[in-house]
PDB file of all heavy atoms in Angstrom:
ATOM      1  N   ALA A   1     -66.854  31.076   9.045  1.00  0.00           N
ATOM      2  CA  ALA A   1     -65.959  32.178   8.541  1.00  0.00           C
ATOM      3  C   ALA A   1     -65.127  32.727   9.780  1.00  0.00           C
ATOM      4  O   ALA A   1     -63.978  32.977   9.615  1.00  0.00           O
ATOM      5  CB  ALA A   1     -66.833  33.342   7.940  1.00  0.00           C
ATOM      6  N   VAL A   2     -65.817  32.858  10.857  1.00  0.00           N
ATOM      7  CA  VAL A   2     -65.144  33.266  12.048  1.00  0.00           C
ATOM      8  C   VAL A   2     -64.014  32.322  12.487  1.00  0.00           C
ATOM      9  O   VAL A   2     -62.901  32.697  12.823  1.00  0.00           O
ATOM     10  CB  VAL A   2     -66.160  33.470  13.267  1.00  0.00           C
ATOM     11  CG1 VAL A   2     -65.367  33.707  14.556  1.00  0.00           C
ATOM     12  CG2 VAL A   2     -67.049  34.659  12.996  1.00  0.00           C
ATOM     13  N   LEU A   3     -64.339  30.991  12.448  1.00  0.00           N
ATOM     14  CA  LEU A   3     -63.325  29.988  12.795  1.00  0.00           C
ATOM     15  C   LEU A   3     -62.134  30.073  11.895  1.00  0.00           C
ATOM     16  O   LEU A   3     -61.027  29.928  12.303  1.00  0.00           O
ATOM     17  CB  LEU A   3     -63.961  28.602  12.806  1.00  0.00           C
ATOM     18  CG  LEU A   3     -64.856  28.338  14.004  1.00  0.00           C
ATOM     19  CD1 LEU A   3     -65.576  26.929  13.790  1.00  0.00           C
ATOM     20  CD2 LEU A   3     -64.151  28.265  15.332  1.00  0.00           C
ATOM     21  N   LEU A   4     -62.404  30.254  10.573  1.00  0.00           N
ATOM     22  CA  LEU A   4     -61.349  30.295   9.564  1.00  0.00           C
ATOM     23  C   LEU A   4     -60.440  31.468   9.813  1.00  0.00           C
ATOM     24  O   LEU A   4     -59.210  31.386   9.730  1.00  0.00           O
ATOM     25  CB  LEU A   4     -61.992  30.318   8.262  1.00  0.00           C
ATOM     26  CG  LEU A   4     -60.955  30.264   6.990  1.00  0.00           C
ATOM     27  CD1 LEU A   4     -60.198  29.021   7.041  1.00  0.00           C
ATOM     28  CD2 LEU A   4     -61.730  30.396   5.742  1.00  0.00           C
ATOM     29  N   ALA A   5     -61.078  32.638  10.154  1.00  0.00           N
ATOM     30  CA  ALA A   5     -60.268  33.849  10.411  1.00  0.00           C
ATOM     31  C   ALA A   5     -59.481  33.675  11.624  1.00  0.00           C
ATOM     32  O   ALA A   5     -58.309  34.100  11.667  1.00  0.00           O
ATOM     33  CB  ALA A   5     -61.282  35.072  10.521  1.00  0.00           C
ATOM     34  N   ALA A   6     -60.018  33.032  12.683  1.00  0.00           N
ATOM     35  CA  ALA A   6     -59.267  32.872  13.914  1.00  0.00           C
ATOM     36  C   ALA A   6     -58.025  31.961  13.680  1.00  0.00           C
ATOM     37  O   ALA A   6     -57.014  32.206  14.247  1.00  0.00           O
ATOM     38  CB  ALA A   6     -60.191  32.286  15.029  1.00  0.00           C
ATOM     39  N   THR A   7     -58.267  30.874  12.940  1.00  0.00           N
ATOM     40  CA  THR A   7     -57.205  29.978  12.655  1.00  0.00           C
ATOM     41  C   THR A   7     -56.084  30.652  11.858  1.00  0.00           C
ATOM     42  O   THR A   7     -54.882  30.446  12.119  1.00  0.00           O
ATOM     43  CB  THR A   7     -57.714  28.766  11.859  1.00  0.00           C
ATOM     44  OG1 THR A   7     -58.738  28.084  12.629  1.00  0.00           O
ATOM     45  CG2 THR A   7     -56.562  27.741  11.551  1.00  0.00           C
ATOM     46  N   ALA A   8     -56.463  31.455  10.921  1.00  0.00           N
ATOM     47  CA  ALA A   8     -55.472  32.187  10.148  1.00  0.00           C
ATOM     48  C   ALA A   8     -54.683  33.125  10.977  1.00  0.00           C
ATOM     49  O   ALA A   8     -53.538  33.472  10.644  1.00  0.00           O
ATOM     50  CB  ALA A   8     -56.184  32.822   8.935  1.00  0.00           C
ATOM     51  N   ALA A   9     -55.309  33.613  12.119  1.00  0.00           N
ATOM     52  CA  ALA A   9     -54.590  34.622  12.853  1.00  0.00           C
ATOM     53  C   ALA A   9     -53.590  33.965  13.784  1.00  0.00           C
ATOM     54  O   ALA A   9     -52.730  34.663  14.370  1.00  0.00           O
ATOM     55  CB  ALA A   9     -55.635  35.359  13.698  1.00  0.00           C
ATOM     56  N   LEU A  10     -53.676  32.649  14.037  1.00  0.00           N
ATOM     57  CA  LEU A  10     -52.695  31.971  14.872  1.00  0.00           C
ATOM     58  C   LEU A  10     -51.292  31.926  14.271  1.00  0.00           C
ATOM     59  O   LEU A  10     -51.162  31.823  13.082  1.00  0.00           O
ATOM     60  CB  LEU A  10     -53.161  30.465  15.178  1.00  0.00           C
ATOM     61  CG  LEU A  10     -54.412  30.285  15.968  1.00  0.00           C
ATOM     62  CD1 LEU A  10     -54.814  28.844  15.974  1.00  0.00           C
ATOM     63  CD2 LEU A  10     -54.227  30.812  17.409  1.00  0.00           C
ATOM     64  N   PRO A  11     -50.259  32.082  15.129  1.00  0.00           N
ATOM     65  CA  PRO A  11     -48.860  32.034  14.542  1.00  0.00           C
ATOM     66  C   PRO A  11     -48.589  30.640  13.920  1.00  0.00           C
ATOM     67  O   PRO A  11     -48.931  29.698  14.473  1.00  0.00           O
ATOM     68  CB  PRO A  11     -48.055  32.219  15.822  1.00  0.00           C
ATOM     69  CG  PRO A  11     -48.857  31.844  16.959  1.00  0.00           C
ATOM     70  CD  PRO A  11     -50.277  32.159  16.583  1.00  0.00           C
ATOM     71  N   ALA A  12     -47.917  30.776  12.793  1.00  0.00           N
ATOM     72  CA  ALA A  12     -47.617  29.473  12.018  1.00  0.00           C
ATOM     73  C   ALA A  12     -46.326  28.857  12.667  1.00  0.00           C
ATOM     74  O   ALA A  12     -45.450  29.525  13.117  1.00  0.00           O
ATOM     75  CB  ALA A  12     -47.369  29.770  10.578  1.00  0.00           C
ATOM     76  N   GLN A  13     -46.250  27.500  12.613  1.00  0.00           N
ATOM     77  CA  GLN A  13     -45.174  26.786  13.038  1.00  0.00           C
ATOM     78  C   GLN A  13     -44.197  26.703  11.898  1.00  0.00           C
ATOM     79  O   GLN A  13     -44.256  25.815  11.032  1.00  0.00           O
ATOM     80  CB  GLN A  13     -45.561  25.344  13.523  1.00  0.00           C
ATOM     81  CG  GLN A  13     -44.377  24.485  14.091  1.00  0.00           C
ATOM     82  CD  GLN A  13     -44.130  24.705  15.484  1.00  0.00           C
ATOM     83  OE1 GLN A  13     -44.894  25.343  16.134  1.00  0.00           O
ATOM     84  NE2 GLN A  13     -43.091  24.129  16.038  1.00  0.00           N
ATOM     85  N   ALA A  14     -43.253  27.654  11.779  1.00  0.00           N
ATOM     86  CA  ALA A  14     -42.374  27.732  10.583  1.00  0.00           C
ATOM     87  C   ALA A  14     -41.294  26.587  10.795  1.00  0.00           C
ATOM     88  O   ALA A  14     -40.687  26.478  11.778  1.00  0.00           O
ATOM     89  CB  ALA A  14     -41.816  29.086  10.573  1.00  0.00           C
ATOM     90  N   GLU A  15     -41.145  25.950   9.620  1.00  0.00           N
ATOM     91  CA  GLU A  15     -40.119  24.855   9.531  1.00  0.00           C
ATOM     92  C   GLU A  15     -38.984  25.428   8.695  1.00  0.00           C
ATOM     93  O   GLU A  15     -39.247  25.802   7.533  1.00  0.00           O
ATOM     94  CB  GLU A  15     -40.688  23.612   8.968  1.00  0.00           C
ATOM     95  CG  GLU A  15     -39.589  22.485   8.939  1.00  0.00           C
ATOM     96  CD  GLU A  15     -40.125  21.185   8.283  1.00  0.00           C
ATOM     97  OE1 GLU A  15     -40.893  21.376   7.314  1.00  0.00           O
ATOM     98  OE2 GLU A  15     -39.734  20.145   8.717  1.00  0.00           O
ATOM     99  N   THR A  16     -37.777  25.400   9.241  1.00  0.00           N
ATOM    100  CA  THR A  16     -36.613  25.899   8.430  1.00  0.00           C
ATOM    101  C   THR A  16     -36.078  24.623   7.823  1.00  0.00           C
ATOM    102  O   THR A  16     -35.581  23.668   8.466  1.00  0.00           O
ATOM    103  CB  THR A  16     -35.605  26.510   9.410  1.00  0.00           C
ATOM    104  OG1 THR A  16     -36.161  27.649  10.008  1.00  0.00           O
ATOM    105  CG2 THR A  16     -34.358  26.983   8.577  1.00  0.00           C
ATOM    106  N   ARG A  17     -35.937  24.686   6.449  1.00  0.00           N
ATOM    107  CA  ARG A  17     -35.464  23.556   5.706  1.00  0.00           C
ATOM    108  C   ARG A  17     -34.008  23.899   5.224  1.00  0.00           C
ATOM    109  O   ARG A  17     -33.816  25.018   4.647  1.00  0.00           O
ATOM    110  CB  ARG A  17     -36.382  23.212   4.514  1.00  0.00           C
ATOM    111  CG  ARG A  17     -37.691  22.622   4.960  1.00  0.00           C
ATOM    112  CD  ARG A  17     -38.505  22.207   3.762  1.00  0.00           C
ATOM    113  NE  ARG A  17     -39.746  21.639   4.160  1.00  0.00           N
ATOM    114  CZ  ARG A  17     -39.896  20.295   4.453  1.00  0.00           C
ATOM    115  NH1 ARG A  17     -38.849  19.528   4.299  1.00  0.00           N
ATOM    116  NH2 ARG A  17     -41.052  19.863   4.762  1.00  0.00           N
ATOM    117  N   VAL A  18     -33.132  22.978   5.372  1.00  0.00           N
ATOM    118  CA  VAL A  18     -31.679  23.179   5.031  1.00  0.00           C
ATOM    119  C   VAL A  18     -31.187  21.978   4.220  1.00  0.00           C
ATOM    120  O   VAL A  18     -31.513  20.798   4.676  1.00  0.00           O
ATOM    121  CB  VAL A  18     -30.776  23.442   6.249  1.00  0.00           C
ATOM    122  CG1 VAL A  18     -29.393  23.494   5.926  1.00  0.00           C
ATOM    123  CG2 VAL A  18     -31.221  24.735   6.960  1.00  0.00           C
ATOM    124  N   THR A  19     -30.377  22.166   3.266  1.00  0.00           N
ATOM    125  CA  THR A  19     -29.716  21.117   2.569  1.00  0.00           C
ATOM    126  C   THR A  19     -28.200  21.137   2.951  1.00  0.00           C
ATOM    127  O   THR A  19     -27.545  22.165   2.822  1.00  0.00           O
ATOM    128  CB  THR A  19     -29.796  21.247   1.004  1.00  0.00           C
ATOM    129  OG1 THR A  19     -31.152  21.166   0.651  1.00  0.00           O
ATOM    130  CG2 THR A  19     -29.012  20.146   0.306  1.00  0.00           C
ATOM    131  N   TYR A  20     -27.719  20.040   3.430  1.00  0.00           N
ATOM    132  CA  TYR A  20     -26.321  19.932   3.947  1.00  0.00           C
ATOM    133  C   TYR A  20     -25.569  18.993   3.008  1.00  0.00           C
ATOM    134  O   TYR A  20     -25.873  17.790   2.987  1.00  0.00           O
ATOM    135  CB  TYR A  20     -26.261  19.321   5.371  1.00  0.00           C
ATOM    136  CG  TYR A  20     -25.021  19.354   6.037  1.00  0.00           C
ATOM    137  CD1 TYR A  20     -24.553  20.354   6.849  1.00  0.00           C
ATOM    138  CD2 TYR A  20     -24.132  18.224   5.904  1.00  0.00           C
ATOM    139  CE1 TYR A  20     -23.362  20.290   7.504  1.00  0.00           C
ATOM    140  CE2 TYR A  20     -22.920  18.152   6.504  1.00  0.00           C
ATOM    141  CZ  TYR A  20     -22.564  19.209   7.371  1.00  0.00           C
ATOM    142  OH  TYR A  20     -21.291  19.113   7.952  1.00  0.00           O
ATOM    143  N   LYS A  21     -24.594  19.490   2.295  1.00  0.00           N
ATOM    144  CA  LYS A  21     -23.790  18.696   1.320  1.00  0.00           C
ATOM    145  C   LYS A  21     -22.443  18.628   1.802  1.00  0.00           C
ATOM    146  O   LYS A  21     -21.758  19.611   2.092  1.00  0.00           O
ATOM    147  CB  LYS A  21     -23.860  19.397  -0.032  1.00  0.00           C
ATOM    148  CG  LYS A  21     -23.462  18.469  -1.153  1.00  0.00           C
ATOM    149  CD  LYS A  21     -23.686  19.233  -2.516  1.00  0.00           C
ATOM    150  CE  LYS A  21     -23.470  18.299  -3.681  1.00  0.00           C
ATOM    151  NZ  LYS A  21     -24.564  17.299  -3.872  1.00  0.00           N
ATOM    152  N   SER A  22     -21.945  17.342   1.959  1.00  0.00           N
ATOM    153  CA  SER A  22     -20.653  17.132   2.560  1.00  0.00           C
ATOM    154  C   SER A  22     -19.730  16.287   1.710  1.00  0.00           C
ATOM    155  O   SER A  22     -18.763  16.742   1.061  1.00  0.00           O
ATOM    156  CB  SER A  22     -20.835  16.574   3.914  1.00  0.00           C
ATOM    157  OG  SER A  22     -19.525  16.316   4.513  1.00  0.00           O
ATOM    158  N   ALA A  23     -19.967  14.917   1.687  1.00  0.00           N
ATOM    159  CA  ALA A  23     -18.973  14.022   1.093  1.00  0.00           C
ATOM    160  C   ALA A  23     -19.732  12.759   0.590  1.00  0.00           C
ATOM    161  O   ALA A  23     -20.923  12.685   0.615  1.00  0.00           O
ATOM    162  CB  ALA A  23     -17.919  13.622   2.086  1.00  0.00           C
ATOM    163  N   LYS A  24     -18.887  11.764   0.185  1.00  0.00           N
ATOM    164  CA  LYS A  24     -19.459  10.481  -0.266  1.00  0.00           C
ATOM    165  C   LYS A  24     -20.098   9.777   0.915  1.00  0.00           C
ATOM    166  O   LYS A  24     -19.710   9.935   1.992  1.00  0.00           O
ATOM    167  CB  LYS A  24     -18.406   9.677  -0.955  1.00  0.00           C
ATOM    168  CG  LYS A  24     -17.842  10.235  -2.237  1.00  0.00           C
ATOM    169  CD  LYS A  24     -16.856   9.308  -2.851  1.00  0.00           C
ATOM    170  CE  LYS A  24     -16.362   9.819  -4.152  1.00  0.00           C
ATOM    171  NZ  LYS A  24     -15.321   8.949  -4.863  1.00  0.00           N
ATOM    172  N   THR A  25     -21.121   8.908   0.637  1.00  0.00           N
ATOM    173  CA  THR A  25     -21.841   8.257   1.627  1.00  0.00           C
ATOM    174  C   THR A  25     -20.999   7.368   2.536  1.00  0.00           C
ATOM    175  O   THR A  25     -21.322   7.160   3.708  1.00  0.00           O
ATOM    176  CB  THR A  25     -22.998   7.445   1.072  1.00  0.00           C
ATOM    177  OG1 THR A  25     -22.513   6.568   0.027  1.00  0.00           O
ATOM    178  CG2 THR A  25     -24.053   8.389   0.455  1.00  0.00           C
ATOM    179  N   ALA A  26     -19.908   6.851   1.989  1.00  0.00           N
ATOM    180  CA  ALA A  26     -19.127   5.913   2.738  1.00  0.00           C
ATOM    181  C   ALA A  26     -18.112   6.601   3.633  1.00  0.00           C
ATOM    182  O   ALA A  26     -17.461   5.955   4.450  1.00  0.00           O
ATOM    183  CB  ALA A  26     -18.292   5.022   1.748  1.00  0.00           C
TER     184      ALA A  26
END
């Protein structure tokens, strides 16, 4: 329980997801 609590307290590595829409593949 202590290990689980300690892990939860660590800062998360947040991943920013973006969709980029531009033009035809060619």
